[in-house]
Amino acid sequence: MQGPVPGADGAEIPVLFLDDTLVAVSKPPGLLVHRTRLAQAQTFLLQRLRDQLGRRLFAVHRLDRPTSGVMLFALTQAAARHLSRQFEAQRVAKQYLAVVRGWPEPEGCIDYALADAEASAAGRRALRPALTSYRRLATVELPVAVGRYPTSRYALLGVQPHTGRRHQIRRHLAHIRHPLIGDTTHGEGRHNRFFRERFGVERLLLHAREIGFAHPRGGRMAVSAPLDTDWGRVLDGLGWADSAEPARDKEPLCRRQSPRTSSSTSAAWPLGLIS
């Protein structure tokens, strides 16, 4: 079965694809995937979807709490193993949409090792390789002085993480000085406040647009998650309504993970420097 399963007033999680091996859903922003030691939420995605479908689910990847978009869950242990191996081997194609402050280069790779969150919490400093590519899809310059300049620039990016570190996209974009709008941890409060006042958006503007993977029964498939009304207001307001489709016909910018792990690694690399 393919296509959204309608919900009543957001009570149901929109189902994008469902068969006897897996389910793909559109995760709303602000919802935890599952309960953690640090966040004991009253409700979380795994529980709500389990109750909605009436069957056991197996988590095979994650999205940060403020991030919206497509997520996969396996319905059998065999499917969970099959999908988990693809994520571990970095054979899953993930495409995100992001709104950032400023105008990054038209395209590039961010090859920058990130501190492991669990090691840091234990008082150890452990860096893990992390690689993200992006393409600039649209730009705008508004005649509004949000910061110290008389105008404010923003960009819509298509982003592909090639590794799966915690908050990777958020941390990488902040590292190249183009933080995500709505990021209260790594972003800029003035620009977040501007988007709240101008568009009524009080969330992180990062959306998992599409995921491509090998189905447990054979063959590759891709599932896309539609954009919600918050995104619609931003895209319409900035003149970007026709710029948000996944770029399926483009060659990947980063062909494989770089072996470099030093925290001094360069921030953004143009096409061709990583092979």
C-alpha atoms as a PDB file:
ATOM      1  CA  MET A   1       0.000   0.000   0.000  1.00  0.00           C
ATOM      2  CA  GLN A   2       1.352   3.443  -0.910  1.00  0.00           C
ATOM      3  CA  GLY A   3       0.084   6.934  -0.204  1.00  0.00           C
ATOM      4  CA  PRO A   4      -0.788   8.875   2.940  1.00  0.00           C
ATOM      5  CA  VAL A   5      -3.078   7.349   5.545  1.00  0.00           C
ATOM      6  CA  PRO A   6      -5.219  10.303   6.709  1.00  0.00           C
ATOM      7  CA  GLY A   7      -5.296  11.157  10.376  1.00  0.00           C
ATOM      8  CA  ALA A   8      -7.713  13.090  12.528  1.00  0.00           C
ATOM      9  CA  ASP A   9      -6.295  16.356  13.889  1.00  0.00           C
ATOM     10  CA  GLY A  10      -2.782  14.934  13.904  1.00  0.00           C
ATOM     11  CA  ALA A  11      -3.800  11.994  16.102  1.00  0.00           C
ATOM     12  CA  GLU A  12      -2.534   9.479  13.559  1.00  0.00           C
ATOM     13  CA  ILE A  13       0.940   9.319  12.108  1.00  0.00           C
ATOM     14  CA  PRO A  14       0.782   9.702   8.281  1.00  0.00           C
ATOM     15  CA  VAL A  15       1.746   6.396   6.656  1.00  0.00           C
ATOM     16  CA  LEU A  16       3.595   6.786   3.367  1.00  0.00           C
ATOM     17  CA  PHE A  17       4.202   3.103   2.561  1.00  0.00           C
ATOM     18  CA  LEU A  18       3.135  -0.157   4.211  1.00  0.00           C
ATOM     19  CA  ASP A  19       3.589  -3.815   3.349  1.00  0.00           C
ATOM     20  CA  ASP A  20       4.282  -7.000   5.309  1.00  0.00           C
ATOM     21  CA  THR A  21       7.959  -6.155   5.937  1.00  0.00           C
ATOM     22  CA  LEU A  22       8.202  -2.436   6.667  1.00  0.00           C
ATOM     23  CA  VAL A  23       6.353   0.810   7.168  1.00  0.00           C
ATOM     24  CA  ALA A  24       7.457   4.307   6.148  1.00  0.00           C
ATOM     25  CA  VAL A  25       5.873   7.254   7.924  1.00  0.00           C
ATOM     26  CA  SER A  26       6.083  11.029   8.010  1.00  0.00           C
ATOM     27  CA  LYS A  27       7.408  12.009  11.429  1.00  0.00           C
ATOM     28  CA  PRO A  28       6.089  15.355  12.700  1.00  0.00           C
ATOM     29  CA  PRO A  29       8.543  17.808  14.275  1.00  0.00           C
ATOM     30  CA  GLY A  30       8.900  17.827  18.051  1.00  0.00           C
ATOM     31  CA  LEU A  31       8.133  14.127  18.509  1.00  0.00           C
ATOM     32  CA  LEU A  32      10.724  11.757  19.958  1.00  0.00           C
ATOM     33  CA  VAL A  33      11.257   8.519  18.065  1.00  0.00           C
ATOM     34  CA  HIS A  34      11.464   6.508  21.298  1.00  0.00           C
ATOM     35  CA  ARG A  35      11.901   7.071  25.013  1.00  0.00           C
ATOM     36  CA  THR A  36      15.431   7.866  26.178  1.00  0.00           C
ATOM     37  CA  ARG A  37      17.120   8.263  29.534  1.00  0.00           C
ATOM     38  CA  LEU A  38      17.390  12.004  29.009  1.00  0.00           C
ATOM     39  CA  ALA A  39      13.889  12.618  27.674  1.00  0.00           C
ATOM     40  CA  GLN A  40      10.997  10.764  29.281  1.00  0.00           C
ATOM     41  CA  ALA A  41       8.253  12.096  27.003  1.00  0.00           C
ATOM     42  CA  GLN A  42       4.610  11.243  27.545  1.00  0.00           C
ATOM     43  CA  THR A  43       4.291  10.078  23.952  1.00  0.00           C
ATOM     44  CA  PHE A  44       6.752   9.085  21.273  1.00  0.00           C
ATOM     45  CA  LEU A  45       6.631   7.947  17.663  1.00  0.00           C
ATOM     46  CA  LEU A  46       7.338   4.249  18.192  1.00  0.00           C
ATOM     47  CA  GLN A  47       4.533   3.933  20.725  1.00  0.00           C
ATOM     48  CA  ARG A  48       1.997   5.919  18.711  1.00  0.00           C
ATOM     49  CA  LEU A  49       2.690   4.018  15.497  1.00  0.00           C
ATOM     50  CA  ARG A  50       2.637   0.653  17.273  1.00  0.00           C
ATOM     51  CA  ASP A  51      -0.785   1.460  18.710  1.00  0.00           C
ATOM     52  CA  GLN A  52      -1.996   2.830  15.368  1.00  0.00           C
ATOM     53  CA  LEU A  53      -0.990  -0.253  13.355  1.00  0.00           C
ATOM     54  CA  GLY A  54      -1.568  -2.799  16.084  1.00  0.00           C
ATOM     55  CA  ARG A  55       1.680  -4.636  15.502  1.00  0.00           C
ATOM     56  CA  ARG A  56       5.251  -4.841  16.722  1.00  0.00           C
ATOM     57  CA  LEU A  57       7.791  -2.421  15.230  1.00  0.00           C
ATOM     58  CA  PHE A  58      11.587  -2.460  14.980  1.00  0.00           C
ATOM     59  CA  ALA A  59      13.468   0.853  14.801  1.00  0.00           C
ATOM     60  CA  VAL A  60      16.278   0.766  12.212  1.00  0.00           C
ATOM     61  CA  HIS A  61      17.390   4.422  12.230  1.00  0.00           C
ATOM     62  CA  ARG A  62      16.550   7.710  13.932  1.00  0.00           C
ATOM     63  CA  LEU A  63      15.640  11.331  13.391  1.00  0.00           C
ATOM     64  CA  ASP A  64      16.306  14.088  15.903  1.00  0.00           C
ATOM     65  CA  ARG A  65      13.304  15.240  17.878  1.00  0.00           C
ATOM     66  CA  PRO A  66      12.902  18.627  16.081  1.00  0.00           C
ATOM     67  CA  THR A  67      13.416  17.137  12.603  1.00  0.00           C
ATOM     68  CA  SER A  68      10.426  16.159  10.473  1.00  0.00           C
ATOM     69  CA  GLY A  69      10.198  13.765   7.550  1.00  0.00           C
ATOM     70  CA  VAL A  70      10.330  10.190   6.350  1.00  0.00           C
ATOM     71  CA  MET A  71      11.230   7.372   8.743  1.00  0.00           C
ATOM     72  CA  LEU A  72      11.371   3.608   8.282  1.00  0.00           C
ATOM     73  CA  PHE A  73      10.382   0.884  10.754  1.00  0.00           C
ATOM     74  CA  ALA A  74      10.710  -2.839  10.131  1.00  0.00           C
ATOM     75  CA  LEU A  75       7.783  -5.142  10.869  1.00  0.00           C
ATOM     76  CA  THR A  76       9.810  -8.343  11.211  1.00  0.00           C
ATOM     77  CA  GLN A  77      13.178  -9.225  12.713  1.00  0.00           C
ATOM     78  CA  ALA A  78      14.471 -10.358   9.315  1.00  0.00           C
ATOM     79  CA  ALA A  79      13.507  -7.026   7.733  1.00  0.00           C
ATOM     80  CA  ALA A  80      15.089  -5.180  10.667  1.00  0.00           C
ATOM     81  CA  ARG A  81      18.393  -6.977  10.078  1.00  0.00           C
ATOM     82  CA  HIS A  82      18.232  -6.281   6.348  1.00  0.00           C
ATOM     83  CA  LEU A  83      17.547  -2.566   6.776  1.00  0.00           C
ATOM     84  CA  SER A  84      19.921  -2.070   9.700  1.00  0.00           C
ATOM     85  CA  ARG A  85      22.801  -3.527   7.697  1.00  0.00           C
ATOM     86  CA  GLN A  86      22.157  -0.983   4.941  1.00  0.00           C
ATOM     87  CA  PHE A  87      22.256   1.925   7.378  1.00  0.00           C
ATOM     88  CA  GLU A  88      25.437   0.595   8.986  1.00  0.00           C
ATOM     89  CA  ALA A  89      27.087   0.154   5.583  1.00  0.00           C
ATOM     90  CA  GLN A  90      25.976   3.642   4.459  1.00  0.00           C
ATOM     91  CA  ARG A  91      23.999   2.238   1.521  1.00  0.00           C
ATOM     92  CA  VAL A  92      20.844   4.225   2.281  1.00  0.00           C
ATOM     93  CA  ALA A  93      20.376   7.445   0.285  1.00  0.00           C
ATOM     94  CA  LYS A  94      18.992  10.196   2.520  1.00  0.00           C
ATOM     95  CA  GLN A  95      17.916  13.576   1.178  1.00  0.00           C
ATOM     96  CA  TYR A  96      17.017  16.481   3.451  1.00  0.00           C
ATOM     97  CA  LEU A  97      15.747  20.001   2.906  1.00  0.00           C
ATOM     98  CA  ALA A  98      17.239  22.734   5.060  1.00  0.00           C
ATOM     99  CA  VAL A  99      16.883  26.506   5.403  1.00  0.00           C
ATOM    100  CA  VAL A 100      20.079  28.216   6.527  1.00  0.00           C
ATOM    101  CA  ARG A 101      21.375  31.675   7.278  1.00  0.00           C
ATOM    102  CA  GLY A 102      23.535  33.162   4.542  1.00  0.00           C
ATOM    103  CA  TRP A 103      24.516  31.838   1.127  1.00  0.00           C
ATOM    104  CA  PRO A 104      26.817  28.807   1.203  1.00  0.00           C
ATOM    105  CA  GLU A 105      28.838  27.852  -1.852  1.00  0.00           C
ATOM    106  CA  PRO A 106      26.611  26.393  -4.625  1.00  0.00           C
ATOM    107  CA  GLU A 107      27.681  22.879  -3.636  1.00  0.00           C
ATOM    108  CA  GLY A 108      30.217  21.150  -1.463  1.00  0.00           C
ATOM    109  CA  CYS A 109      31.233  18.460   0.991  1.00  0.00           C
ATOM    110  CA  ILE A 110      31.654  19.009   4.696  1.00  0.00           C
ATOM    111  CA  ASP A 111      34.293  16.574   5.893  1.00  0.00           C
ATOM    112  CA  TYR A 112      34.636  17.297   9.597  1.00  0.00           C
ATOM    113  CA  ALA A 113      34.961  14.799  12.439  1.00  0.00           C
ATOM    114  CA  LEU A 114      32.449  15.179  15.267  1.00  0.00           C
ATOM    115  CA  ALA A 115      32.779  14.392  18.938  1.00  0.00           C
ATOM    116  CA  ASP A 116      30.936  11.265  20.016  1.00  0.00           C
ATOM    117  CA  ALA A 117      28.091  12.283  22.323  1.00  0.00           C
ATOM    118  CA  GLU A 118      28.270   9.240  24.614  1.00  0.00           C
ATOM    119  CA  ALA A 119      32.043   9.527  25.002  1.00  0.00           C
ATOM    120  CA  SER A 120      31.766  13.237  25.754  1.00  0.00           C
ATOM    121  CA  ALA A 121      29.139  12.566  28.413  1.00  0.00           C
ATOM    122  CA  ALA A 122      31.564  10.117  30.032  1.00  0.00           C
ATOM    123  CA  GLY A 123      34.334  12.721  30.076  1.00  0.00           C
ATOM    124  CA  ARG A 124      36.260  11.295  27.108  1.00  0.00           C
ATOM    125  CA  ARG A 125      37.001  13.093  23.865  1.00  0.00           C
ATOM    126  CA  ALA A 126      36.429  10.775  20.926  1.00  0.00           C
ATOM    127  CA  LEU A 127      36.153  12.065  17.361  1.00  0.00           C
ATOM    128  CA  ARG A 128      34.300  10.104  14.705  1.00  0.00           C
ATOM    129  CA  PRO A 129      34.507  10.728  10.941  1.00  0.00           C
ATOM    130  CA  ALA A 130      31.496  12.600   9.578  1.00  0.00           C
ATOM    131  CA  LEU A 131      30.696  13.568   6.005  1.00  0.00           C
ATOM    132  CA  THR A 132      27.835  15.649   4.611  1.00  0.00           C
ATOM    133  CA  SER A 133      27.228  16.991   1.096  1.00  0.00           C
ATOM    134  CA  TYR A 134      24.905  19.785   0.085  1.00  0.00           C
ATOM    135  CA  ARG A 135      23.586  21.659  -2.942  1.00  0.00           C
ATOM    136  CA  ARG A 136      22.161  25.136  -2.879  1.00  0.00           C
ATOM    137  CA  LEU A 137      18.647  25.043  -4.342  1.00  0.00           C
ATOM    138  CA  ALA A 138      17.522  28.653  -3.907  1.00  0.00           C
ATOM    139  CA  THR A 139      18.543  31.927  -2.299  1.00  0.00           C
ATOM    140  CA  VAL A 140      16.910  35.139  -1.160  1.00  0.00           C
ATOM    141  CA  GLU A 141      18.129  38.485   0.132  1.00  0.00           C
ATOM    142  CA  LEU A 142      15.587  40.376   2.215  1.00  0.00           C
ATOM    143  CA  PRO A 143      15.713  44.144   2.857  1.00  0.00           C
ATOM    144  CA  VAL A 144      15.601  43.515   6.604  1.00  0.00           C
ATOM    145  CA  ALA A 145      18.426  44.153   9.076  1.00  0.00           C
ATOM    146  CA  VAL A 146      18.223  41.087  11.287  1.00  0.00           C
ATOM    147  CA  GLY A 147      21.900  41.299  12.229  1.00  0.00           C
ATOM    148  CA  ARG A 148      24.546  43.942  11.651  1.00  0.00           C
ATOM    149  CA  TYR A 149      23.968  44.152   7.887  1.00  0.00           C
ATOM    150  CA  PRO A 150      21.164  46.153   6.189  1.00  0.00           C
ATOM    151  CA  THR A 151      19.899  43.022   4.410  1.00  0.00           C
ATOM    152  CA  SER A 152      19.535  39.376   5.413  1.00  0.00           C
ATOM    153  CA  ARG A 153      20.424  36.400   3.229  1.00  0.00           C
ATOM    154  CA  TYR A 154      18.968  32.896   3.445  1.00  0.00           C
ATOM    155  CA  ALA A 155      19.327  29.741   1.364  1.00  0.00           C
ATOM    156  CA  LEU A 156      17.405  26.546   0.730  1.00  0.00           C
ATOM    157  CA  LEU A 157      19.696  23.517   0.635  1.00  0.00           C
ATOM    158  CA  GLY A 158      19.396  19.906  -0.424  1.00  0.00           C
ATOM    159  CA  VAL A 159      21.534  17.998   2.073  1.00  0.00           C
ATOM    160  CA  GLN A 160      22.789  14.406   2.106  1.00  0.00           C
ATOM    161  CA  PRO A 161      24.451  12.977   5.239  1.00  0.00           C
ATOM    162  CA  HIS A 162      26.848  10.165   4.336  1.00  0.00           C
ATOM    163  CA  THR A 163      27.472   9.166   7.945  1.00  0.00           C
ATOM    164  CA  GLY A 164      25.050   9.037  10.851  1.00  0.00           C
ATOM    165  CA  ARG A 165      26.439  11.088  13.735  1.00  0.00           C
ATOM    166  CA  ARG A 166      24.183  12.717  16.307  1.00  0.00           C
ATOM    167  CA  HIS A 167      22.965  16.139  15.109  1.00  0.00           C
ATOM    168  CA  GLN A 168      25.324  15.750  12.151  1.00  0.00           C
ATOM    169  CA  ILE A 169      23.584  18.084   9.693  1.00  0.00           C
ATOM    170  CA  ARG A 170      22.966  20.711  12.363  1.00  0.00           C
ATOM    171  CA  ARG A 171      26.566  20.630  13.585  1.00  0.00           C
ATOM    172  CA  HIS A 172      28.107  20.542  10.125  1.00  0.00           C
ATOM    173  CA  LEU A 173      26.109  23.506   8.821  1.00  0.00           C
ATOM    174  CA  ALA A 174      26.941  25.480  11.951  1.00  0.00           C
ATOM    175  CA  HIS A 175      30.598  24.564  11.406  1.00  0.00           C
ATOM    176  CA  ILE A 176      30.636  26.239   7.957  1.00  0.00           C
ATOM    177  CA  ARG A 177      28.909  29.293   9.488  1.00  0.00           C
ATOM    178  CA  HIS A 178      25.547  28.689   7.851  1.00  0.00           C
ATOM    179  CA  PRO A 179      23.404  27.448  10.738  1.00  0.00           C
ATOM    180  CA  LEU A 180      19.932  26.037  10.323  1.00  0.00           C
ATOM    181  CA  ILE A 181      16.997  28.333  10.951  1.00  0.00           C
ATOM    182  CA  GLY A 182      15.155  27.240  14.078  1.00  0.00           C
ATOM    183  CA  ASP A 183      18.172  25.492  15.622  1.00  0.00           C
ATOM    184  CA  THR A 184      18.169  26.662  19.231  1.00  0.00           C
ATOM    185  CA  THR A 185      21.374  24.758  20.043  1.00  0.00           C
ATOM    186  CA  HIS A 186      23.683  25.481  17.114  1.00  0.00           C
ATOM    187  CA  GLY A 187      21.875  28.375  15.400  1.00  0.00           C
ATOM    188  CA  GLU A 188      21.389  32.110  15.883  1.00  0.00           C
ATOM    189  CA  GLY A 189      18.585  33.471  18.027  1.00  0.00           C
ATOM    190  CA  ARG A 190      18.069  36.666  16.020  1.00  0.00           C
ATOM    191  CA  HIS A 191      17.348  34.812  12.798  1.00  0.00           C
ATOM    192  CA  ASN A 192      15.210  32.206  14.552  1.00  0.00           C
ATOM    193  CA  ARG A 193      13.170  35.036  16.072  1.00  0.00           C
ATOM    194  CA  PHE A 194      12.783  36.704  12.668  1.00  0.00           C
ATOM    195  CA  PHE A 195      11.288  33.540  11.175  1.00  0.00           C
ATOM    196  CA  ARG A 196       8.922  33.209  14.146  1.00  0.00           C
ATOM    197  CA  GLU A 197       7.690  36.756  13.705  1.00  0.00           C
ATOM    198  CA  ARG A 198       7.613  36.792   9.896  1.00  0.00           C
ATOM    199  CA  PHE A 199       6.293  33.286   9.134  1.00  0.00           C
ATOM    200  CA  GLY A 200       4.932  32.003  12.451  1.00  0.00           C
ATOM    201  CA  VAL A 201       7.475  29.159  12.382  1.00  0.00           C
ATOM    202  CA  GLU A 202       8.743  27.996  15.770  1.00  0.00           C
ATOM    203  CA  ARG A 203      10.599  24.877  14.718  1.00  0.00           C
ATOM    204  CA  LEU A 204      13.770  23.577  13.130  1.00  0.00           C
ATOM    205  CA  LEU A 205      13.661  23.952   9.349  1.00  0.00           C
ATOM    206  CA  LEU A 206      15.179  20.548   8.599  1.00  0.00           C
ATOM    207  CA  HIS A 207      13.068  17.940   6.817  1.00  0.00           C
ATOM    208  CA  ALA A 208      13.950  14.378   5.777  1.00  0.00           C
ATOM    209  CA  ARG A 209      12.513  14.664   2.271  1.00  0.00           C
ATOM    210  CA  GLU A 210      13.326  11.262   0.779  1.00  0.00           C
ATOM    211  CA  ILE A 211      14.977   7.972   1.635  1.00  0.00           C
ATOM    212  CA  GLY A 212      16.159   5.360  -0.861  1.00  0.00           C
ATOM    213  CA  PHE A 213      17.014   1.777   0.100  1.00  0.00           C
ATOM    214  CA  ALA A 214      16.934  -1.859  -0.975  1.00  0.00           C
ATOM    215  CA  HIS A 215      13.622  -3.466  -0.069  1.00  0.00           C
ATOM    216  CA  PRO A 216      13.863  -6.704   1.933  1.00  0.00           C
ATOM    217  CA  ARG A 217      11.975  -8.496  -0.866  1.00  0.00           C
ATOM    218  CA  GLY A 218      14.373  -7.234  -3.546  1.00  0.00           C
ATOM    219  CA  GLY A 219      14.784  -4.124  -5.675  1.00  0.00           C
ATOM    220  CA  ARG A 220      15.433  -0.541  -4.654  1.00  0.00           C
ATOM    221  CA  MET A 221      12.744   1.931  -3.730  1.00  0.00           C
ATOM    222  CA  ALA A 222      12.451   5.528  -2.554  1.00  0.00           C
ATOM    223  CA  VAL A 223       9.860   7.060  -0.254  1.00  0.00           C
ATOM    224  CA  SER A 224       9.242  10.804   0.034  1.00  0.00           C
ATOM    225  CA  ALA A 225       7.590  12.746   2.856  1.00  0.00           C
ATOM    226  CA  PRO A 226       5.486  15.794   1.914  1.00  0.00           C
ATOM    227  CA  LEU A 227       6.187  19.193   3.408  1.00  0.00           C
ATOM    228  CA  ASP A 228       3.862  20.509   6.108  1.00  0.00           C
ATOM    229  CA  THR A 229       2.160  23.900   6.396  1.00  0.00           C
ATOM    230  CA  ASP A 230       5.116  25.508   8.211  1.00  0.00           C
ATOM    231  CA  TRP A 231       7.343  24.663   5.301  1.00  0.00           C
ATOM    232  CA  GLY A 232       4.669  25.821   2.867  1.00  0.00           C
ATOM    233  CA  ARG A 233       4.535  29.273   4.455  1.00  0.00           C
ATOM    234  CA  VAL A 234       8.322  29.648   4.342  1.00  0.00           C
ATOM    235  CA  LEU A 235       8.698  28.416   0.762  1.00  0.00           C
ATOM    236  CA  ASP A 236       5.816  30.575  -0.493  1.00  0.00           C
ATOM    237  CA  GLY A 237       6.966  33.596   1.480  1.00  0.00           C
ATOM    238  CA  LEU A 238      10.516  33.400   0.148  1.00  0.00           C
ATOM    239  CA  GLY A 239       9.562  32.518  -3.441  1.00  0.00           C
ATOM    240  CA  TRP A 240      10.963  28.995  -3.219  1.00  0.00           C
ATOM    241  CA  ALA A 241       7.795  26.969  -3.863  1.00  0.00           C
ATOM    242  CA  ASP A 242       9.212  25.367  -7.032  1.00  0.00           C
ATOM    243  CA  SER A 243      12.679  24.614  -5.614  1.00  0.00           C
ATOM    244  CA  ALA A 244      12.027  21.892  -3.049  1.00  0.00           C
ATOM    245  CA  GLU A 245      11.942  18.688  -5.096  1.00  0.00           C
ATOM    246  CA  PRO A 246      14.651  16.043  -4.480  1.00  0.00           C
ATOM    247  CA  ALA A 247      17.477  16.166  -7.062  1.00  0.00           C
ATOM    248  CA  ARG A 248      17.359  12.530  -8.193  1.00  0.00           C
ATOM    249  CA  ASP A 249      19.257  13.152 -11.436  1.00  0.00           C
ATOM    250  CA  LYS A 250      22.385  14.577  -9.776  1.00  0.00           C
ATOM    251  CA  GLU A 251      25.621  12.680  -9.216  1.00  0.00           C
ATOM    252  CA  PRO A 252      26.635  12.368  -5.544  1.00  0.00           C
ATOM    253  CA  LEU A 253      29.061  15.067  -4.379  1.00  0.00           C
ATOM    254  CA  CYS A 254      30.838  12.861  -1.840  1.00  0.00           C
ATOM    255  CA  ARG A 255      31.508   9.416  -3.235  1.00  0.00           C
ATOM    256  CA  ARG A 256      32.862   7.833  -0.077  1.00  0.00           C
ATOM    257  CA  GLN A 257      33.746   8.691   3.471  1.00  0.00           C
ATOM    258  CA  SER A 258      37.150  10.300   3.951  1.00  0.00           C
ATOM    259  CA  PRO A 259      39.499   8.495   6.363  1.00  0.00           C
ATOM    260  CA  ARG A 260      40.517  11.756   8.011  1.00  0.00           C
ATOM    261  CA  THR A 261      39.326  12.136  11.590  1.00  0.00           C
ATOM    262  CA  SER A 262      41.145  15.197  12.887  1.00  0.00           C
ATOM    263  CA  SER A 263      39.054  18.044  14.224  1.00  0.00           C
ATOM    264  CA  SER A 264      41.166  20.381  12.076  1.00  0.00           C
ATOM    265  CA  THR A 265      39.711  18.907   8.884  1.00  0.00           C
ATOM    266  CA  SER A 266      38.563  21.492   6.354  1.00  0.00           C
ATOM    267  CA  ALA A 267      34.985  22.672   6.647  1.00  0.00           C
ATOM    268  CA  ALA A 268      33.605  22.601   3.113  1.00  0.00           C
ATOM    269  CA  TRP A 269      35.105  20.934   0.040  1.00  0.00           C
ATOM    270  CA  PRO A 270      33.957  21.640  -3.521  1.00  0.00           C
ATOM    271  CA  LEU A 271      32.987  18.905  -5.949  1.00  0.00           C
ATOM    272  CA  GLY A 272      35.860  16.613  -6.893  1.00  0.00           C
ATOM    273  CA  LEU A 273      38.107  16.968  -3.849  1.00  0.00           C
ATOM    274  CA  ILE A 274      36.720  13.827  -2.222  1.00  0.00           C
ATOM    275  CA  SER A 275      36.754  10.683  -4.342  1.00  0.00           C
END
